[in-house]
Each structure stands twice: as structure tokens, then as C-alpha cells.
Amino acid sequence: MGLDYSYSQPSESDDYGGNDSSHTEDREVEDLIRRDQAELNYNYAATVQYPPQPEVEFGFPQICYCGGRPKLATSRTVNDPGRRYYTCDYVNDGDCHVHKWWDEAVMEEMRARDTHTLQLSEKVDYLTFWNDYDPQLNKFKDLQNEIEQKLVRLEKIVSELAENRTRLTNGFEYFVGGMVIILVLLGLVIIFK
């Protein structure tokens, strides 16, 4: 996070200043710098990390990481002049706050609405199919009833025809039986004559 203040020490030869009293002062300064660096590392290592909020991650942000209400602001940077973005009233307090471009949020919302509209359209089609299916189902039930009634009438007609055939068959059998008896009697009369 911070700057590293370590560097190599010059030799203590006479060419580089030798042993003088400024050397001990340098060590004291370096020691103070190391303590300050350790303290900074300790303080900044314990910063609070806010978990990402689903409301901020997708679409229009509804709440900031800090719990505040996001506001719409305009960028004044060289790279994005006039570009609108969501931010927080407390953005300058050093904590983690929302920052999201307005146009990206709009596109995410539009994609979500398209998906939702497609799902609703599929549900409407499904329900329309079942509403259309019910009258057709009723038509099929009516046809089934008509066919069952026709089948009952047909069975009745077939049974009547079977009875008539039985009468005819019985009558024909009596006729044939009577003819056989008559022929036998004629044959006996002819033989005994």
C-alpha cells in the first residue's frame, strides 16, 4: 500500500563521508519511517470491506454500500465529460460507495425487462393454448357422446337383425324339415305301392 523506504546503506569508508554523527541521525530517521510504515500497514490492513450488494450490481442502484440512497451526478472528467452516473452523498468520507454509469444501468434494466417480457409472453401463449384447448376438448366430448349414442343404436339394430335372422333361420329349418318328411312319406308310398 505504502511506499517502501528501504535502500542500501553506503559504505563507511572515508570516500563516502566516513564515520560522522549524521549517520546516527539517519538511522533514527529511517527507524521512524519504518515505524510509520508499519503503523500505516496495520491501520489500512483492517479497513472494512463491504460485501457487494445485489441492488448495486445489477440495473439501477437502489441502495449504496454504506446504506445511503444513490444520487445521479454528471461526470466532469476529460475521458467522460457529461456522462451521467450514480454515486452517493457521502462519497468523500473514504468508505466504499456506489459508482455506476447510468447508461450501463439502463441497458441492464432493458435486458432484464426484455427477458421478463419474453417469459410473460410465453405464459400468455401457454394460457391461450389451454383456453383454446378447452372448447376443443368440449367438442371432442360432444362428438364422443354422439358416437356412443350412434353405437348404442347400431347395437340395437344389429340385435334386431339377429332376431329376424333367427326367425328366418328357424322358419327355413322348419320348411326344410317339413320337406324332408314329405319326401320320406312320398318315398314310402311309392315303395309300398
Protein backbone atom coordinates (compact mmCIF):
# COMPACT_ATOMS: atom_id res chain seq x y z
CA MET A 1 0.00 0.00 0.00
CA GLY A 2 2.57 2.48 1.11
CA LEU A 3 5.97 3.32 -0.20
CA ASP A 4 8.92 1.12 0.60
CA TYR A 5 11.60 3.29 2.22
CA SER A 6 14.31 0.64 2.36
CA TYR A 7 17.55 1.24 0.49
CA SER A 8 21.11 0.02 0.72
CA GLN A 9 23.48 1.76 3.09
CA PRO A 10 26.60 3.45 1.72
CA SER A 11 29.90 2.09 2.95
CA GLU A 12 31.52 3.71 5.93
CA SER A 13 34.77 4.39 4.15
CA ASP A 14 36.33 7.82 4.08
CA ASP A 15 35.37 8.16 0.42
CA TYR A 16 31.70 8.38 1.33
CA GLY A 17 31.83 10.58 4.41
CA GLY A 18 33.29 8.10 6.89
CA ASN A 19 32.04 7.92 10.45
CA ASP A 20 30.28 11.10 11.39
CA SER A 21 27.38 11.97 13.70
CA SER A 22 24.88 12.45 10.84
CA HIS A 23 24.92 8.70 10.32
CA THR A 24 23.20 8.02 13.64
CA GLU A 25 20.60 10.68 12.85
CA ASP A 26 19.90 8.93 9.54
CA ARG A 27 19.34 5.68 11.36
CA GLU A 28 16.91 7.35 13.71
CA VAL A 29 15.00 8.87 10.77
CA GLU A 30 14.94 5.51 9.00
CA ASP A 31 13.72 3.85 12.15
CA LEU A 32 10.91 6.43 12.44
CA ILE A 33 10.00 5.91 8.81
CA ARG A 34 9.83 2.12 9.33
CA ARG A 35 7.58 2.60 12.38
CA ASP A 36 5.29 4.94 10.46
CA GLN A 37 5.14 2.47 7.57
CA ALA A 38 4.31 -0.40 9.94
CA GLU A 39 1.60 1.69 11.59
CA LEU A 40 0.10 2.62 8.20
CA ASN A 41 0.15 -1.02 7.07
CA TYR A 42 -1.54 -2.03 10.32
CA ASN A 43 -4.22 0.67 10.11
CA TYR A 44 -5.06 0.17 6.43
CA ALA A 45 -5.00 -3.63 6.66
CA ALA A 46 -8.00 -3.52 9.00
CA THR A 47 -10.31 -1.48 6.73
CA VAL A 48 -13.91 -2.63 6.49
CA GLN A 49 -14.77 -4.45 3.26
CA TYR A 50 -18.43 -4.07 2.40
CA PRO A 51 -19.94 -7.07 0.60
CA PRO A 52 -21.28 -6.31 -2.86
CA GLN A 53 -24.97 -5.53 -2.82
CA PRO A 54 -27.18 -7.21 -5.43
CA GLU A 55 -29.14 -3.98 -5.89
CA VAL A 56 -25.92 -2.19 -6.88
CA GLU A 57 -24.53 -4.99 -9.01
CA PHE A 58 -27.45 -5.10 -11.45
CA GLY A 59 -29.59 -2.37 -13.01
CA PHE A 60 -30.40 0.89 -11.27
CA PRO A 61 -28.75 1.00 -7.84
CA GLN A 62 -31.36 1.21 -5.09
CA ILE A 63 -29.03 1.46 -2.11
CA CYS A 64 -25.35 2.32 -1.63
CA TYR A 65 -22.86 0.03 0.07
CA CYS A 66 -22.93 2.37 3.07
CA GLY A 67 -26.74 2.17 3.26
CA GLY A 68 -27.37 5.62 1.79
CA ARG A 69 -29.57 6.44 -1.18
CA PRO A 70 -27.70 6.79 -4.51
CA LYS A 71 -27.99 10.02 -6.44
CA LEU A 72 -27.46 10.82 -10.11
CA ALA A 73 -24.46 13.02 -10.94
CA THR A 74 -22.69 14.21 -14.09
CA SER A 75 -19.07 13.41 -14.83
CA ARG A 76 -16.73 16.35 -15.40
CA THR A 77 -13.64 14.28 -16.30
CA VAL A 78 -11.72 14.57 -19.55
CA ASN A 79 -12.46 10.95 -20.52
CA ASP A 80 -16.21 11.03 -19.80
CA PRO A 81 -17.45 14.63 -19.94
CA GLY A 82 -21.18 14.94 -19.32
CA ARG A 83 -21.67 11.22 -18.74
CA ARG A 84 -24.25 10.51 -16.03
CA TYR A 85 -23.51 8.13 -13.15
CA TYR A 86 -24.87 7.00 -9.81
CA THR A 87 -22.93 7.94 -6.70
CA CYS A 88 -23.57 8.61 -3.01
CA ASP A 89 -23.87 11.81 -0.97
CA TYR A 90 -21.16 10.53 1.35
CA VAL A 91 -18.63 9.64 -1.38
CA ASN A 92 -15.90 11.81 0.16
CA ASP A 93 -15.80 10.09 3.58
CA GLY A 94 -13.25 7.46 2.47
CA ASP A 95 -15.56 4.43 2.65
CA CYS A 96 -16.76 2.23 -0.20
CA HIS A 97 -19.68 3.77 -2.10
CA VAL A 98 -21.62 3.07 -5.24
CA HIS A 99 -20.36 4.29 -8.60
CA LYS A 100 -22.22 3.08 -11.65
CA TRP A 101 -22.68 4.59 -15.07
CA TRP A 102 -26.28 5.49 -15.79
CA ASP A 103 -26.24 4.22 -19.40
CA GLU A 104 -24.94 0.79 -18.29
CA ALA A 105 -27.66 0.59 -15.64
CA VAL A 106 -30.29 1.45 -18.27
CA MET A 107 -29.04 -1.29 -20.62
CA GLU A 108 -29.08 -3.86 -17.80
CA GLU A 109 -32.62 -2.87 -16.88
CA MET A 110 -33.75 -3.05 -20.53
CA ARG A 111 -32.25 -6.53 -20.95
CA ALA A 112 -33.99 -7.65 -17.76
CA ARG A 113 -37.29 -6.19 -18.98
CA ASP A 114 -36.87 -7.96 -22.33
CA THR A 115 -36.29 -11.26 -20.56
CA HIS A 116 -39.24 -10.68 -18.26
CA THR A 117 -41.47 -9.70 -21.20
CA LEU A 118 -40.46 -12.86 -23.07
CA GLN A 119 -41.29 -15.00 -20.04
CA LEU A 120 -44.68 -13.30 -19.68
CA SER A 121 -45.35 -13.77 -23.39
CA GLU A 122 -44.62 -17.49 -23.09
CA LYS A 123 -47.01 -17.72 -20.13
CA VAL A 124 -49.73 -15.91 -22.10
CA ASP A 125 -49.21 -18.27 -25.06
CA TYR A 126 -49.42 -21.25 -22.72
CA LEU A 127 -52.63 -20.00 -21.11
CA THR A 128 -54.11 -19.11 -24.50
CA PHE A 129 -53.36 -22.64 -25.69
CA TRP A 130 -55.23 -24.09 -22.73
CA ASN A 131 -58.15 -21.68 -23.23
CA ASP A 132 -58.28 -22.69 -26.89
CA TYR A 133 -57.90 -26.32 -25.87
CA ASP A 134 -60.92 -26.28 -23.53
CA PRO A 135 -63.51 -25.56 -26.27
CA GLN A 136 -61.85 -28.17 -28.48
CA LEU A 137 -61.93 -30.62 -25.61
CA ASN A 138 -65.65 -29.90 -25.16
CA LYS A 139 -66.18 -30.50 -28.89
CA PHE A 140 -64.40 -33.84 -28.61
CA LYS A 141 -66.55 -34.79 -25.61
CA ASP A 142 -69.72 -33.91 -27.57
CA LEU A 143 -68.50 -35.98 -30.51
CA GLN A 144 -67.75 -38.87 -28.17
CA ASN A 145 -71.30 -38.70 -26.75
CA GLU A 146 -72.78 -38.64 -30.25
CA ILE A 147 -70.65 -41.61 -31.29
CA GLU A 148 -71.65 -43.54 -28.17
CA GLN A 149 -75.33 -42.86 -28.90
CA LYS A 150 -74.89 -43.98 -32.51
CA LEU A 151 -73.09 -47.10 -31.30
CA VAL A 152 -75.98 -47.94 -28.96
CA ARG A 153 -78.46 -47.51 -31.84
CA LEU A 154 -76.28 -49.63 -34.11
CA GLU A 155 -76.06 -52.39 -31.48
CA LYS A 156 -79.85 -52.29 -31.17
CA ILE A 157 -80.26 -52.58 -34.94
CA VAL A 158 -77.79 -55.47 -35.08
CA SER A 159 -79.61 -57.31 -32.29
CA GLU A 160 -82.96 -56.81 -34.10
CA LEU A 161 -81.43 -58.13 -37.31
CA ALA A 162 -80.06 -61.12 -35.43
CA GLU A 163 -83.53 -61.84 -34.03
CA ASN A 164 -85.05 -61.57 -37.50
CA ARG A 165 -82.36 -63.87 -38.87
CA THR A 166 -83.03 -66.33 -36.11
CA ARG A 167 -86.71 -66.30 -37.02
CA LEU A 168 -85.87 -66.75 -40.67
CA THR A 169 -83.36 -69.46 -39.90
CA ASN A 170 -85.83 -71.26 -37.66
CA GLY A 171 -88.54 -70.90 -40.32
CA PHE A 172 -86.21 -72.21 -43.01
CA GLU A 173 -85.24 -75.15 -40.81
CA TYR A 174 -88.93 -75.96 -40.27
CA PHE A 175 -89.53 -75.69 -44.00
CA VAL A 176 -86.60 -77.99 -44.82
CA GLY A 177 -87.68 -80.41 -42.07
CA GLY A 178 -91.21 -80.43 -43.42
CA MET A 179 -89.95 -81.05 -46.96
CA VAL A 180 -87.79 -83.94 -45.79
CA ILE A 181 -90.77 -85.55 -44.03
CA ILE A 182 -92.93 -85.12 -47.10
CA LEU A 183 -90.27 -86.65 -49.32
CA VAL A 184 -89.82 -89.59 -46.97
CA LEU A 185 -93.56 -90.19 -46.92
CA LEU A 186 -93.70 -89.96 -50.71
CA GLY A 187 -90.80 -92.37 -50.94
CA LEU A 188 -92.60 -94.84 -48.66
CA VAL A 189 -95.83 -94.52 -50.57
CA ILE A 190 -94.01 -95.18 -53.82
CA ILE A 191 -92.14 -98.15 -52.40
CA PHE A 192 -95.19 -99.83 -50.91
CA LYS A 193 -97.47 -99.34 -53.80
